[in-house]
């Protein structure tokens, strides 16, 4: 496949056995956006922050869309596999354990992380999904045999996501074997302090 490299920032913890947070920005963001957020989870983690390869009106994204809330699923399929190929390559180059990667994504970044969860359920050691949407209208069959932990927050005033679709997505992830912790917060699409605090608590209880 004609995969392209992704621009990235890697910050090593100094421990080759450490978990690595894969930071995935929202539309219009870049590989610098979530560094501070990633660092707030602790110095014992590697950070791998990447920039999406798709441009929409000058704004980086991880995959194309056909309209607001309408994803180009052919491109999403390709870009999800491209991200996985990148992970395998960078893990070898930078010296981290590719089996200990936890995705942390916001909005568009959460959507491609979700696509990886349903397309490649054996890959990630966990995921933090802030304001995600179901990546595919019809999800592929998937099973997380390891009951991988997933943290999921939606906003009950979010105009970009249909509440019924969010409920269906949550239930699909649970049915697929993921150990899901989900919160529907009094928030819009923007990330809030409550999102971050809840994610910190979940992470510490799950991985430490």
N, C-alpha and C. Protein backbone atom coordinates (compact mmCIF):
# COMPACT_ATOMS: atom_id res chain seq x y z
N UNK A 1 0.83 -1.20 0.00
CA UNK A 1 0.00 0.00 0.00
C UNK A 1 0.87 1.26 0.00
N UNK A 2 0.34 2.33 -0.53
CA UNK A 2 1.10 3.57 -0.64
C UNK A 2 0.92 4.43 0.62
N UNK A 3 1.38 3.88 1.75
CA UNK A 3 1.26 4.61 3.01
C UNK A 3 2.29 5.73 3.07
N UNK A 4 1.91 6.84 3.66
CA UNK A 4 2.80 7.98 3.83
C UNK A 4 3.21 8.10 5.30
N UNK A 5 4.44 8.54 5.57
CA UNK A 5 4.84 8.74 6.97
C UNK A 5 4.03 9.88 7.59
N UNK A 6 3.88 9.84 8.90
CA UNK A 6 3.19 10.89 9.63
C UNK A 6 4.21 11.73 10.40
N UNK A 7 4.01 13.04 10.41
CA UNK A 7 4.84 13.89 11.25
C UNK A 7 4.52 13.58 12.70
N UNK A 8 5.55 13.54 13.54
CA UNK A 8 5.32 13.16 14.92
C UNK A 8 6.34 13.77 15.86
N UNK A 9 5.98 13.77 17.14
CA UNK A 9 6.89 14.09 18.24
C UNK A 9 6.91 12.88 19.16
N UNK A 10 8.09 12.43 19.52
CA UNK A 10 8.21 11.31 20.46
C UNK A 10 9.00 11.76 21.67
N UNK A 11 8.45 11.52 22.85
CA UNK A 11 9.14 11.82 24.11
C UNK A 11 9.22 10.53 24.91
N UNK A 12 10.43 10.06 25.10
CA UNK A 12 10.65 8.79 25.80
C UNK A 12 10.67 9.01 27.31
N UNK A 13 10.16 8.04 28.04
CA UNK A 13 10.17 8.09 29.50
C UNK A 13 11.50 7.62 30.07
N UNK A 14 12.27 6.92 29.24
CA UNK A 14 13.51 6.33 29.73
C UNK A 14 13.37 4.89 30.15
N UNK A 15 12.13 4.38 30.15
CA UNK A 15 11.87 3.00 30.54
C UNK A 15 11.37 2.23 29.31
N UNK A 16 12.12 1.25 28.81
CA UNK A 16 11.70 0.52 27.61
C UNK A 16 10.44 -0.31 27.82
N UNK A 17 10.05 -0.53 29.08
CA UNK A 17 8.84 -1.30 29.37
C UNK A 17 7.61 -0.41 29.57
N UNK A 18 7.77 0.89 29.41
CA UNK A 18 6.68 1.83 29.70
C UNK A 18 5.56 1.73 28.67
N UNK A 19 4.36 2.11 29.11
CA UNK A 19 3.28 2.33 28.17
C UNK A 19 3.57 3.58 27.35
N UNK A 20 3.03 3.61 26.15
CA UNK A 20 3.16 4.76 25.27
C UNK A 20 1.78 5.34 24.99
N UNK A 21 1.61 6.64 25.26
CA UNK A 21 0.37 7.32 24.91
C UNK A 21 0.47 7.81 23.46
N UNK A 22 -0.44 7.34 22.63
CA UNK A 22 -0.52 7.78 21.24
C UNK A 22 -1.51 8.93 21.18
N UNK A 23 -1.02 10.14 20.98
CA UNK A 23 -1.84 11.35 21.04
C UNK A 23 -2.35 11.72 19.65
N UNK A 24 -3.68 11.84 19.54
CA UNK A 24 -4.33 12.04 18.24
C UNK A 24 -5.23 13.27 18.33
N UNK A 25 -4.85 14.32 17.63
CA UNK A 25 -5.49 15.64 17.74
C UNK A 25 -6.85 15.69 17.04
N UNK A 26 -7.57 16.77 17.29
CA UNK A 26 -8.82 17.03 16.59
C UNK A 26 -8.59 17.78 15.29
N UNK A 27 -9.65 18.02 14.54
CA UNK A 27 -9.56 18.73 13.26
C UNK A 27 -8.90 20.10 13.45
N UNK A 28 -7.90 20.37 12.63
CA UNK A 28 -7.19 21.64 12.69
C UNK A 28 -6.04 21.66 13.67
N UNK A 29 -5.86 20.55 14.39
CA UNK A 29 -4.75 20.48 15.33
C UNK A 29 -3.48 19.97 14.68
N UNK A 30 -2.49 19.71 15.50
CA UNK A 30 -1.24 19.15 14.98
C UNK A 30 -0.57 18.35 16.09
N UNK A 31 0.64 17.91 15.82
CA UNK A 31 1.32 17.01 16.74
C UNK A 31 1.76 17.69 18.04
N UNK A 32 1.61 19.02 18.13
CA UNK A 32 1.98 19.73 19.36
C UNK A 32 0.79 19.90 20.31
N UNK A 33 -0.42 19.76 19.78
CA UNK A 33 -1.62 20.16 20.52
C UNK A 33 -1.81 19.43 21.85
N UNK A 34 -1.59 18.13 21.88
CA UNK A 34 -1.95 17.33 23.05
C UNK A 34 -0.76 16.94 23.91
N UNK A 35 0.40 17.54 23.65
CA UNK A 35 1.60 17.19 24.42
C UNK A 35 1.40 17.50 25.91
N UNK A 36 0.91 18.70 26.22
CA UNK A 36 0.71 19.06 27.63
C UNK A 36 -0.30 18.12 28.29
N UNK A 37 -1.37 17.80 27.57
CA UNK A 37 -2.36 16.87 28.11
C UNK A 37 -1.73 15.51 28.35
N UNK A 38 -0.94 15.02 27.40
CA UNK A 38 -0.27 13.74 27.56
C UNK A 38 0.66 13.73 28.76
N UNK A 39 1.41 14.82 28.94
CA UNK A 39 2.35 14.91 30.06
C UNK A 39 1.62 14.90 31.40
N UNK A 40 0.37 15.36 31.42
CA UNK A 40 -0.38 15.40 32.68
C UNK A 40 -0.72 14.00 33.19
N UNK A 41 -0.56 12.99 32.36
CA UNK A 41 -0.84 11.61 32.79
C UNK A 41 0.36 10.98 33.51
N UNK A 42 1.50 11.66 33.51
CA UNK A 42 2.63 11.17 34.29
C UNK A 42 3.90 11.04 33.48
N UNK A 43 5.02 11.24 34.16
CA UNK A 43 6.33 11.19 33.50
C UNK A 43 6.79 9.78 33.21
N UNK A 44 6.05 8.78 33.72
CA UNK A 44 6.44 7.38 33.51
C UNK A 44 5.95 6.83 32.18
N UNK A 45 5.34 7.68 31.34
CA UNK A 45 4.81 7.25 30.06
C UNK A 45 5.62 7.83 28.92
N UNK A 46 5.79 7.03 27.85
CA UNK A 46 6.27 7.59 26.59
C UNK A 46 5.12 8.35 25.94
N UNK A 47 5.45 9.39 25.18
CA UNK A 47 4.45 10.13 24.42
C UNK A 47 4.79 10.05 22.94
N UNK A 48 3.81 9.69 22.14
CA UNK A 48 3.94 9.70 20.69
C UNK A 48 2.77 10.50 20.13
N UNK A 49 3.04 11.71 19.70
CA UNK A 49 1.99 12.60 19.21
C UNK A 49 2.16 12.76 17.70
N UNK A 50 1.09 12.52 16.95
CA UNK A 50 1.20 12.51 15.49
C UNK A 50 0.25 13.52 14.86
N UNK A 51 0.57 13.91 13.63
CA UNK A 51 -0.27 14.82 12.85
C UNK A 51 -0.94 14.04 11.73
N UNK A 52 -2.24 14.24 11.56
CA UNK A 52 -2.96 13.58 10.48
C UNK A 52 -2.44 14.00 9.11
N UNK A 53 -2.54 13.09 8.15
CA UNK A 53 -2.00 13.32 6.81
C UNK A 53 -3.00 13.96 5.85
N UNK A 54 -4.23 14.17 6.27
CA UNK A 54 -5.25 14.74 5.40
C UNK A 54 -5.41 16.22 5.71
N UNK A 55 -5.57 17.04 4.66
CA UNK A 55 -5.82 18.46 4.84
C UNK A 55 -7.22 18.80 4.37
N UNK A 56 -7.95 19.53 5.20
CA UNK A 56 -9.29 20.00 4.85
C UNK A 56 -9.32 21.52 5.04
N UNK A 57 -9.29 22.25 3.92
CA UNK A 57 -9.26 23.72 3.97
C UNK A 57 -8.13 24.22 4.87
N UNK A 58 -6.97 23.59 4.72
CA UNK A 58 -5.80 23.99 5.49
C UNK A 58 -5.73 23.43 6.89
N UNK A 59 -6.68 22.59 7.26
CA UNK A 59 -6.72 22.03 8.62
C UNK A 59 -6.36 20.55 8.58
N UNK A 60 -5.33 20.14 9.33
CA UNK A 60 -4.98 18.72 9.38
C UNK A 60 -6.10 17.88 10.00
N UNK A 61 -6.31 16.70 9.40
CA UNK A 61 -7.23 15.69 9.91
C UNK A 61 -6.59 14.32 9.71
N UNK A 62 -7.19 13.31 10.35
CA UNK A 62 -6.65 11.95 10.19
C UNK A 62 -7.30 11.21 9.03
N UNK A 63 -8.47 11.66 8.56
CA UNK A 63 -9.11 11.05 7.39
C UNK A 63 -10.09 12.05 6.80
N UNK A 64 -10.48 11.80 5.58
CA UNK A 64 -11.38 12.71 4.87
C UNK A 64 -12.82 12.55 5.36
N UNK A 65 -13.60 13.59 5.14
CA UNK A 65 -15.03 13.50 5.36
C UNK A 65 -15.76 14.12 4.18
N UNK A 66 -16.98 13.69 3.99
CA UNK A 66 -17.79 14.16 2.87
C UNK A 66 -18.65 15.35 3.26
N UNK A 67 -18.82 15.55 4.54
CA UNK A 67 -19.61 16.65 5.09
C UNK A 67 -19.54 16.57 6.59
N UNK A 68 -20.20 17.51 7.28
CA UNK A 68 -20.17 17.50 8.74
C UNK A 68 -20.80 16.21 9.27
N UNK A 69 -19.99 15.42 9.96
CA UNK A 69 -20.48 14.17 10.53
C UNK A 69 -20.64 13.04 9.54
N UNK A 70 -20.19 13.24 8.29
CA UNK A 70 -20.29 12.20 7.25
C UNK A 70 -18.87 11.83 6.83
N UNK A 71 -18.44 10.65 7.20
CA UNK A 71 -17.05 10.26 6.97
C UNK A 71 -16.88 9.59 5.61
N UNK A 72 -15.72 9.82 5.01
CA UNK A 72 -15.32 9.08 3.82
C UNK A 72 -14.75 7.75 4.31
N UNK A 73 -15.60 6.73 4.31
CA UNK A 73 -15.22 5.48 4.97
C UNK A 73 -14.12 4.74 4.21
N UNK A 74 -14.03 4.93 2.91
CA UNK A 74 -12.93 4.31 2.16
C UNK A 74 -11.61 4.90 2.62
N UNK A 75 -11.57 6.23 2.77
CA UNK A 75 -10.34 6.87 3.23
C UNK A 75 -10.07 6.53 4.69
N UNK A 76 -11.11 6.45 5.50
CA UNK A 76 -10.94 6.08 6.90
C UNK A 76 -10.32 4.69 7.03
N UNK A 77 -10.78 3.76 6.23
CA UNK A 77 -10.18 2.42 6.23
C UNK A 77 -8.70 2.49 5.92
N UNK A 78 -8.37 3.23 4.87
CA UNK A 78 -6.97 3.34 4.44
C UNK A 78 -6.12 4.02 5.52
N UNK A 79 -6.62 5.14 6.06
CA UNK A 79 -5.83 5.90 7.03
C UNK A 79 -5.66 5.15 8.36
N UNK A 80 -6.63 4.33 8.72
CA UNK A 80 -6.49 3.52 9.93
C UNK A 80 -5.36 2.52 9.76
N UNK A 81 -5.32 1.88 8.60
CA UNK A 81 -4.24 0.93 8.34
C UNK A 81 -2.90 1.64 8.18
N UNK A 82 -2.93 2.85 7.63
CA UNK A 82 -1.71 3.66 7.51
C UNK A 82 -1.16 3.98 8.90
N UNK A 83 -2.04 4.34 9.83
CA UNK A 83 -1.62 4.65 11.19
C UNK A 83 -1.03 3.41 11.86
N UNK A 84 -1.62 2.27 11.64
CA UNK A 84 -1.09 1.03 12.22
C UNK A 84 0.28 0.72 11.65
N UNK A 85 0.46 0.87 10.36
CA UNK A 85 1.76 0.64 9.73
C UNK A 85 2.80 1.60 10.31
N UNK A 86 2.41 2.86 10.50
CA UNK A 86 3.29 3.86 11.10
C UNK A 86 3.70 3.44 12.52
N UNK A 87 2.72 2.98 13.31
CA UNK A 87 3.00 2.57 14.69
C UNK A 87 4.05 1.47 14.73
N UNK A 88 3.88 0.47 13.90
CA UNK A 88 4.82 -0.64 13.88
C UNK A 88 6.22 -0.18 13.50
N UNK A 89 6.31 0.74 12.56
CA UNK A 89 7.61 1.25 12.12
C UNK A 89 8.26 2.10 13.21
N UNK A 90 7.48 3.02 13.79
CA UNK A 90 8.04 3.95 14.77
C UNK A 90 8.40 3.24 16.07
N UNK A 91 7.65 2.20 16.43
CA UNK A 91 7.98 1.45 17.64
C UNK A 91 9.38 0.85 17.53
N UNK A 92 9.69 0.33 16.36
CA UNK A 92 11.02 -0.24 16.14
C UNK A 92 12.09 0.85 16.12
N UNK A 93 11.76 1.98 15.46
CA UNK A 93 12.73 3.07 15.33
C UNK A 93 13.03 3.72 16.67
N UNK A 94 11.98 3.96 17.48
CA UNK A 94 12.14 4.70 18.74
C UNK A 94 12.36 3.77 19.93
N UNK A 95 12.10 2.48 19.77
CA UNK A 95 12.41 1.52 20.83
C UNK A 95 11.37 1.40 21.92
N UNK A 96 10.07 1.51 21.56
CA UNK A 96 9.03 1.26 22.56
C UNK A 96 8.25 0.01 22.19
N UNK A 97 7.53 -0.52 23.16
CA UNK A 97 6.77 -1.76 23.00
C UNK A 97 5.46 -1.46 22.29
N UNK A 98 5.31 -1.94 21.06
CA UNK A 98 4.11 -1.65 20.28
C UNK A 98 2.88 -2.32 20.87
N UNK A 99 3.07 -3.30 21.74
CA UNK A 99 1.93 -3.96 22.38
C UNK A 99 1.44 -3.21 23.63
N UNK A 100 2.11 -2.10 23.95
CA UNK A 100 1.74 -1.32 25.14
C UNK A 100 1.41 0.12 24.75
N UNK A 101 0.67 0.27 23.66
CA UNK A 101 0.26 1.59 23.18
C UNK A 101 -1.18 1.86 23.59
N UNK A 102 -1.41 3.01 24.20
CA UNK A 102 -2.74 3.47 24.60
C UNK A 102 -3.06 4.72 23.79
N UNK A 103 -4.09 4.65 22.97
CA UNK A 103 -4.47 5.81 22.17
C UNK A 103 -5.23 6.81 23.02
N UNK A 104 -4.92 8.08 22.84
CA UNK A 104 -5.68 9.16 23.47
C UNK A 104 -6.06 10.14 22.36
N UNK A 105 -7.34 10.18 22.03
CA UNK A 105 -7.78 11.00 20.92
C UNK A 105 -8.92 11.92 21.29
N UNK A 106 -8.91 13.08 20.66
CA UNK A 106 -9.99 14.05 20.83
C UNK A 106 -10.68 14.27 19.48
N UNK A 107 -12.00 14.14 19.44
CA UNK A 107 -12.80 14.44 18.26
C UNK A 107 -12.32 13.61 17.06
N UNK A 108 -11.77 14.22 16.03
CA UNK A 108 -11.30 13.47 14.87
C UNK A 108 -10.26 12.42 15.27
N UNK A 109 -9.41 12.78 16.23
CA UNK A 109 -8.42 11.81 16.72
C UNK A 109 -9.05 10.64 17.44
N UNK A 110 -10.13 10.93 18.20
CA UNK A 110 -10.86 9.85 18.87
C UNK A 110 -11.54 8.94 17.85
N UNK A 111 -11.94 9.51 16.73
CA UNK A 111 -12.64 8.72 15.71
C UNK A 111 -11.70 7.73 15.02
N UNK A 112 -10.48 8.15 14.73
CA UNK A 112 -9.57 7.19 14.10
C UNK A 112 -9.08 6.17 15.15
N UNK A 113 -8.98 6.58 16.41
CA UNK A 113 -8.67 5.61 17.45
C UNK A 113 -9.78 4.57 17.55
N UNK A 114 -11.03 5.03 17.45
CA UNK A 114 -12.16 4.10 17.47
C UNK A 114 -12.15 3.17 16.27
N UNK A 115 -11.75 3.70 15.11
CA UNK A 115 -11.64 2.85 13.93
C UNK A 115 -10.60 1.76 14.14
N UNK A 116 -9.52 2.08 14.82
CA UNK A 116 -8.51 1.06 15.11
C UNK A 116 -9.06 0.02 16.08
N UNK A 117 -9.86 0.46 17.06
CA UNK A 117 -10.45 -0.48 18.01
C UNK A 117 -11.33 -1.51 17.32
N UNK A 118 -12.10 -1.08 16.32
CA UNK A 118 -13.03 -2.02 15.69
C UNK A 118 -12.41 -2.76 14.51
N UNK A 119 -11.40 -2.17 13.87
CA UNK A 119 -10.74 -2.85 12.74
C UNK A 119 -9.62 -3.78 13.21
N UNK A 120 -8.92 -3.36 14.26
CA UNK A 120 -7.75 -4.10 14.74
C UNK A 120 -7.81 -4.22 16.26
N UNK A 121 -8.77 -4.98 16.79
CA UNK A 121 -8.97 -5.02 18.24
C UNK A 121 -7.81 -5.63 19.02
N UNK A 122 -6.87 -6.24 18.32
CA UNK A 122 -5.73 -6.86 18.99
C UNK A 122 -4.56 -5.90 19.19
N UNK A 123 -4.66 -4.67 18.67
CA UNK A 123 -3.49 -3.79 18.60
C UNK A 123 -3.29 -2.95 19.85
N UNK A 124 -4.29 -2.20 20.26
CA UNK A 124 -4.12 -1.22 21.34
C UNK A 124 -4.26 -1.87 22.71
N UNK A 125 -3.49 -1.34 23.67
CA UNK A 125 -3.60 -1.78 25.06
C UNK A 125 -4.63 -0.96 25.83
N UNK A 126 -5.25 -0.02 25.17
CA UNK A 126 -6.28 0.81 25.79
C UNK A 126 -6.54 2.03 24.93
N UNK A 127 -7.58 2.78 25.31
CA UNK A 127 -7.90 3.99 24.56
C UNK A 127 -8.65 4.97 25.45
N UNK A 128 -8.35 6.25 25.24
CA UNK A 128 -9.09 7.35 25.85
C UNK A 128 -9.74 8.11 24.70
N UNK A 129 -11.07 8.10 24.67
CA UNK A 129 -11.81 8.71 23.57
C UNK A 129 -12.60 9.91 24.10
N UNK A 130 -12.18 11.10 23.71
CA UNK A 130 -12.89 12.32 24.08
C UNK A 130 -13.76 12.78 22.90
N UNK A 131 -15.06 12.85 23.08
CA UNK A 131 -16.04 13.32 22.08
C UNK A 131 -15.97 12.50 20.77
N UNK A 132 -16.01 11.19 20.87
CA UNK A 132 -15.93 10.38 19.65
C UNK A 132 -17.28 10.25 18.96
N UNK A 133 -17.22 9.90 17.69
CA UNK A 133 -18.37 9.45 16.92
C UNK A 133 -18.08 8.04 16.43
N UNK A 134 -19.13 7.27 16.20
CA UNK A 134 -18.93 5.93 15.63
C UNK A 134 -18.25 6.07 14.29
N UNK A 135 -17.11 5.38 14.08
CA UNK A 135 -16.31 5.64 12.87
C UNK A 135 -16.94 5.13 11.58
N UNK A 136 -17.64 4.01 11.64
CA UNK A 136 -18.27 3.44 10.45
C UNK A 136 -19.77 3.32 10.70
N UNK A 137 -20.57 3.62 9.66
CA UNK A 137 -22.02 3.49 9.82
C UNK A 137 -22.40 2.07 10.20
N UNK A 138 -21.77 1.11 9.53
CA UNK A 138 -21.95 -0.30 9.87
C UNK A 138 -20.61 -0.81 10.38
N UNK A 139 -20.57 -1.14 11.66
CA UNK A 139 -19.31 -1.58 12.25
C UNK A 139 -18.96 -2.99 11.79
N UNK A 140 -17.67 -3.25 11.57
CA UNK A 140 -17.27 -4.64 11.29
C UNK A 140 -17.46 -5.49 12.53
N UNK A 141 -17.50 -6.79 12.35
CA UNK A 141 -17.53 -7.68 13.50
C UNK A 141 -16.15 -7.63 14.19
N UNK A 142 -16.17 -7.48 15.50
CA UNK A 142 -14.90 -7.40 16.22
C UNK A 142 -15.08 -7.96 17.62
N UNK A 143 -13.99 -8.47 18.17
CA UNK A 143 -13.99 -9.01 19.53
C UNK A 143 -12.67 -8.63 20.19
N UNK A 144 -12.75 -7.95 21.32
CA UNK A 144 -11.57 -7.67 22.13
C UNK A 144 -11.42 -8.81 23.13
N UNK A 145 -10.67 -9.82 22.75
CA UNK A 145 -10.53 -11.01 23.60
C UNK A 145 -9.83 -10.70 24.92
N UNK A 146 -9.03 -9.62 24.93
CA UNK A 146 -8.31 -9.24 26.15
C UNK A 146 -9.11 -8.27 27.00
N UNK A 147 -10.35 -7.96 26.58
CA UNK A 147 -11.19 -6.99 27.31
C UNK A 147 -10.42 -5.70 27.57
N UNK A 148 -9.91 -5.14 26.50
CA UNK A 148 -9.07 -3.94 26.57
C UNK A 148 -9.85 -2.78 27.19
N UNK A 149 -9.24 -2.03 28.12
CA UNK A 149 -9.92 -0.90 28.76
C UNK A 149 -10.07 0.29 27.82
N UNK A 150 -11.26 0.88 27.83
CA UNK A 150 -11.54 2.07 27.02
C UNK A 150 -12.28 3.08 27.88
N UNK A 151 -11.80 4.32 27.85
CA UNK A 151 -12.43 5.44 28.53
C UNK A 151 -13.10 6.32 27.47
N UNK A 152 -14.34 6.74 27.73
CA UNK A 152 -15.17 7.35 26.69
C UNK A 152 -15.98 8.48 27.32
N UNK A 153 -15.83 9.72 26.83
CA UNK A 153 -16.67 10.81 27.32
C UNK A 153 -17.38 11.51 26.16
N UNK A 154 -18.66 11.70 26.34
CA UNK A 154 -19.48 12.47 25.41
C UNK A 154 -20.00 13.70 26.14
N UNK A 155 -20.49 14.69 25.37
CA UNK A 155 -21.08 15.89 25.96
C UNK A 155 -22.56 15.94 25.64
N UNK A 156 -23.38 16.13 26.65
CA UNK A 156 -24.83 16.09 26.40
C UNK A 156 -25.36 17.36 25.72
N UNK A 157 -24.48 18.34 25.50
CA UNK A 157 -24.85 19.54 24.74
C UNK A 157 -24.02 19.65 23.46
N UNK A 158 -23.44 18.53 23.04
CA UNK A 158 -22.58 18.52 21.85
C UNK A 158 -23.44 18.54 20.59
N UNK A 159 -23.35 19.60 19.78
CA UNK A 159 -24.19 19.69 18.58
C UNK A 159 -23.71 18.83 17.42
N UNK A 160 -22.51 18.27 17.54
CA UNK A 160 -21.93 17.54 16.41
C UNK A 160 -22.22 16.04 16.45
N UNK A 161 -22.74 15.56 17.59
CA UNK A 161 -22.94 14.12 17.76
C UNK A 161 -24.38 13.86 18.19
N UNK A 162 -25.04 12.92 17.52
CA UNK A 162 -26.39 12.51 17.89
C UNK A 162 -26.32 11.60 19.12
N UNK A 163 -27.09 11.94 20.17
CA UNK A 163 -27.03 11.19 21.42
C UNK A 163 -27.39 9.72 21.22
N UNK A 164 -28.35 9.44 20.35
CA UNK A 164 -28.75 8.03 20.11
C UNK A 164 -27.61 7.26 19.46
N UNK A 165 -26.87 7.92 18.57
CA UNK A 165 -25.74 7.25 17.93
C UNK A 165 -24.63 6.96 18.94
N UNK A 166 -24.44 7.88 19.88
CA UNK A 166 -23.43 7.67 20.91
C UNK A 166 -23.79 6.47 21.78
N UNK A 167 -25.05 6.37 22.17
CA UNK A 167 -25.49 5.23 22.99
C UNK A 167 -25.26 3.92 22.24
N UNK A 168 -25.59 3.91 20.96
CA UNK A 168 -25.41 2.70 20.16
C UNK A 168 -23.92 2.33 20.05
N UNK A 169 -23.07 3.33 19.90
CA UNK A 169 -21.62 3.09 19.79
C UNK A 169 -21.08 2.52 21.09
N UNK A 170 -21.48 3.11 22.21
CA UNK A 170 -21.06 2.60 23.52
C UNK A 170 -21.46 1.14 23.69
N UNK A 171 -22.69 0.83 23.35
CA UNK A 171 -23.18 -0.54 23.49
C UNK A 171 -22.43 -1.50 22.57
N UNK A 172 -22.09 -1.05 21.36
CA UNK A 172 -21.35 -1.90 20.43
C UNK A 172 -19.96 -2.22 20.96
N UNK A 173 -19.29 -1.23 21.55
CA UNK A 173 -17.96 -1.47 22.11
C UNK A 173 -18.03 -2.45 23.28
N UNK A 174 -19.05 -2.30 24.12
CA UNK A 174 -19.22 -3.24 25.23
C UNK A 174 -19.50 -4.65 24.72
N UNK A 175 -20.40 -4.74 23.75
CA UNK A 175 -20.75 -6.04 23.18
C UNK A 175 -19.53 -6.70 22.53
N UNK A 176 -18.64 -5.88 21.98
CA UNK A 176 -17.44 -6.39 21.33
C UNK A 176 -16.34 -6.78 22.30
N UNK A 177 -16.60 -6.68 23.59
CA UNK A 177 -15.65 -7.18 24.57
C UNK A 177 -14.79 -6.15 25.25
N UNK A 178 -14.93 -4.87 24.86
CA UNK A 178 -14.11 -3.85 25.52
C UNK A 178 -14.61 -3.58 26.93
N UNK A 179 -13.69 -3.31 27.84
CA UNK A 179 -14.03 -2.92 29.21
C UNK A 179 -14.21 -1.41 29.22
N UNK A 180 -15.44 -0.99 29.03
CA UNK A 180 -15.72 0.42 28.76
C UNK A 180 -16.13 1.16 30.02
N UNK A 181 -15.52 2.33 30.20
CA UNK A 181 -15.95 3.30 31.22
C UNK A 181 -16.41 4.54 30.49
N UNK A 182 -17.69 4.87 30.57
CA UNK A 182 -18.21 5.98 29.77
C UNK A 182 -18.95 6.99 30.65
N UNK A 183 -18.82 8.26 30.26
CA UNK A 183 -19.48 9.36 30.95
C UNK A 183 -20.13 10.28 29.92
N UNK A 184 -21.36 10.68 30.20
CA UNK A 184 -22.04 11.69 29.40
C UNK A 184 -22.06 12.97 30.24
N UNK A 185 -21.23 13.93 29.88
CA UNK A 185 -20.96 15.09 30.73
C UNK A 185 -21.80 16.30 30.32
N UNK A 186 -22.03 17.23 31.25
CA UNK A 186 -22.73 18.47 30.92
C UNK A 186 -21.79 19.43 30.18
N UNK A 187 -21.59 19.14 28.91
CA UNK A 187 -20.59 19.87 28.12
C UNK A 187 -20.98 19.85 26.65
N UNK A 188 -20.33 20.72 25.90
CA UNK A 188 -20.49 20.73 24.44
C UNK A 188 -19.38 19.88 23.83
N UNK A 189 -18.86 20.28 22.66
CA UNK A 189 -17.84 19.46 22.00
C UNK A 189 -16.44 19.72 22.56
N UNK A 190 -16.25 20.86 23.19
CA UNK A 190 -14.93 21.19 23.71
C UNK A 190 -14.55 20.30 24.88
N UNK A 191 -13.26 20.07 25.00
CA UNK A 191 -12.72 19.29 26.12
C UNK A 191 -12.78 20.14 27.39
N UNK A 192 -13.16 19.52 28.50
CA UNK A 192 -13.31 20.24 29.76
C UNK A 192 -12.37 19.68 30.83
N UNK A 193 -12.25 20.42 31.91
CA UNK A 193 -11.44 19.96 33.04
C UNK A 193 -12.00 18.67 33.61
N UNK A 194 -13.33 18.53 33.59
CA UNK A 194 -13.94 17.31 34.11
C UNK A 194 -13.55 16.10 33.27
N UNK A 195 -13.51 16.26 31.94
CA UNK A 195 -13.04 15.17 31.08
C UNK A 195 -11.67 14.70 31.52
N UNK A 196 -10.77 15.66 31.69
CA UNK A 196 -9.38 15.33 31.99
C UNK A 196 -9.24 14.70 33.36
N UNK A 197 -9.92 15.25 34.36
CA UNK A 197 -9.83 14.69 35.72
C UNK A 197 -10.36 13.26 35.78
N UNK A 198 -11.48 13.03 35.11
CA UNK A 198 -12.04 11.67 35.08
C UNK A 198 -11.10 10.71 34.37
N UNK A 199 -10.48 11.19 33.29
CA UNK A 199 -9.54 10.35 32.54
C UNK A 199 -8.31 10.01 33.39
N UNK A 200 -7.82 11.00 34.15
CA UNK A 200 -6.68 10.74 35.04
C UNK A 200 -7.03 9.66 36.06
N UNK A 201 -8.19 9.80 36.69
CA UNK A 201 -8.61 8.82 37.70
C UNK A 201 -8.72 7.42 37.08
N UNK A 202 -9.36 7.35 35.94
CA UNK A 202 -9.51 6.06 35.25
C UNK A 202 -8.15 5.46 34.92
N UNK A 203 -7.26 6.28 34.39
CA UNK A 203 -5.94 5.78 33.98
C UNK A 203 -5.17 5.24 35.18
N UNK A 204 -5.17 6.01 36.27
CA UNK A 204 -4.43 5.58 37.46
C UNK A 204 -5.01 4.29 38.04
N UNK A 205 -6.31 4.15 38.02
CA UNK A 205 -6.95 2.94 38.53
C UNK A 205 -6.75 1.74 37.61
N UNK A 206 -6.52 2.01 36.33
CA UNK A 206 -6.44 0.93 35.34
C UNK A 206 -5.01 0.46 35.09
N UNK A 207 -4.07 1.39 35.07
CA UNK A 207 -2.72 1.05 34.63
C UNK A 207 -1.66 1.20 35.72
N UNK A 208 -2.06 1.64 36.91
CA UNK A 208 -1.04 1.80 37.97
C UNK A 208 -1.46 1.08 39.24
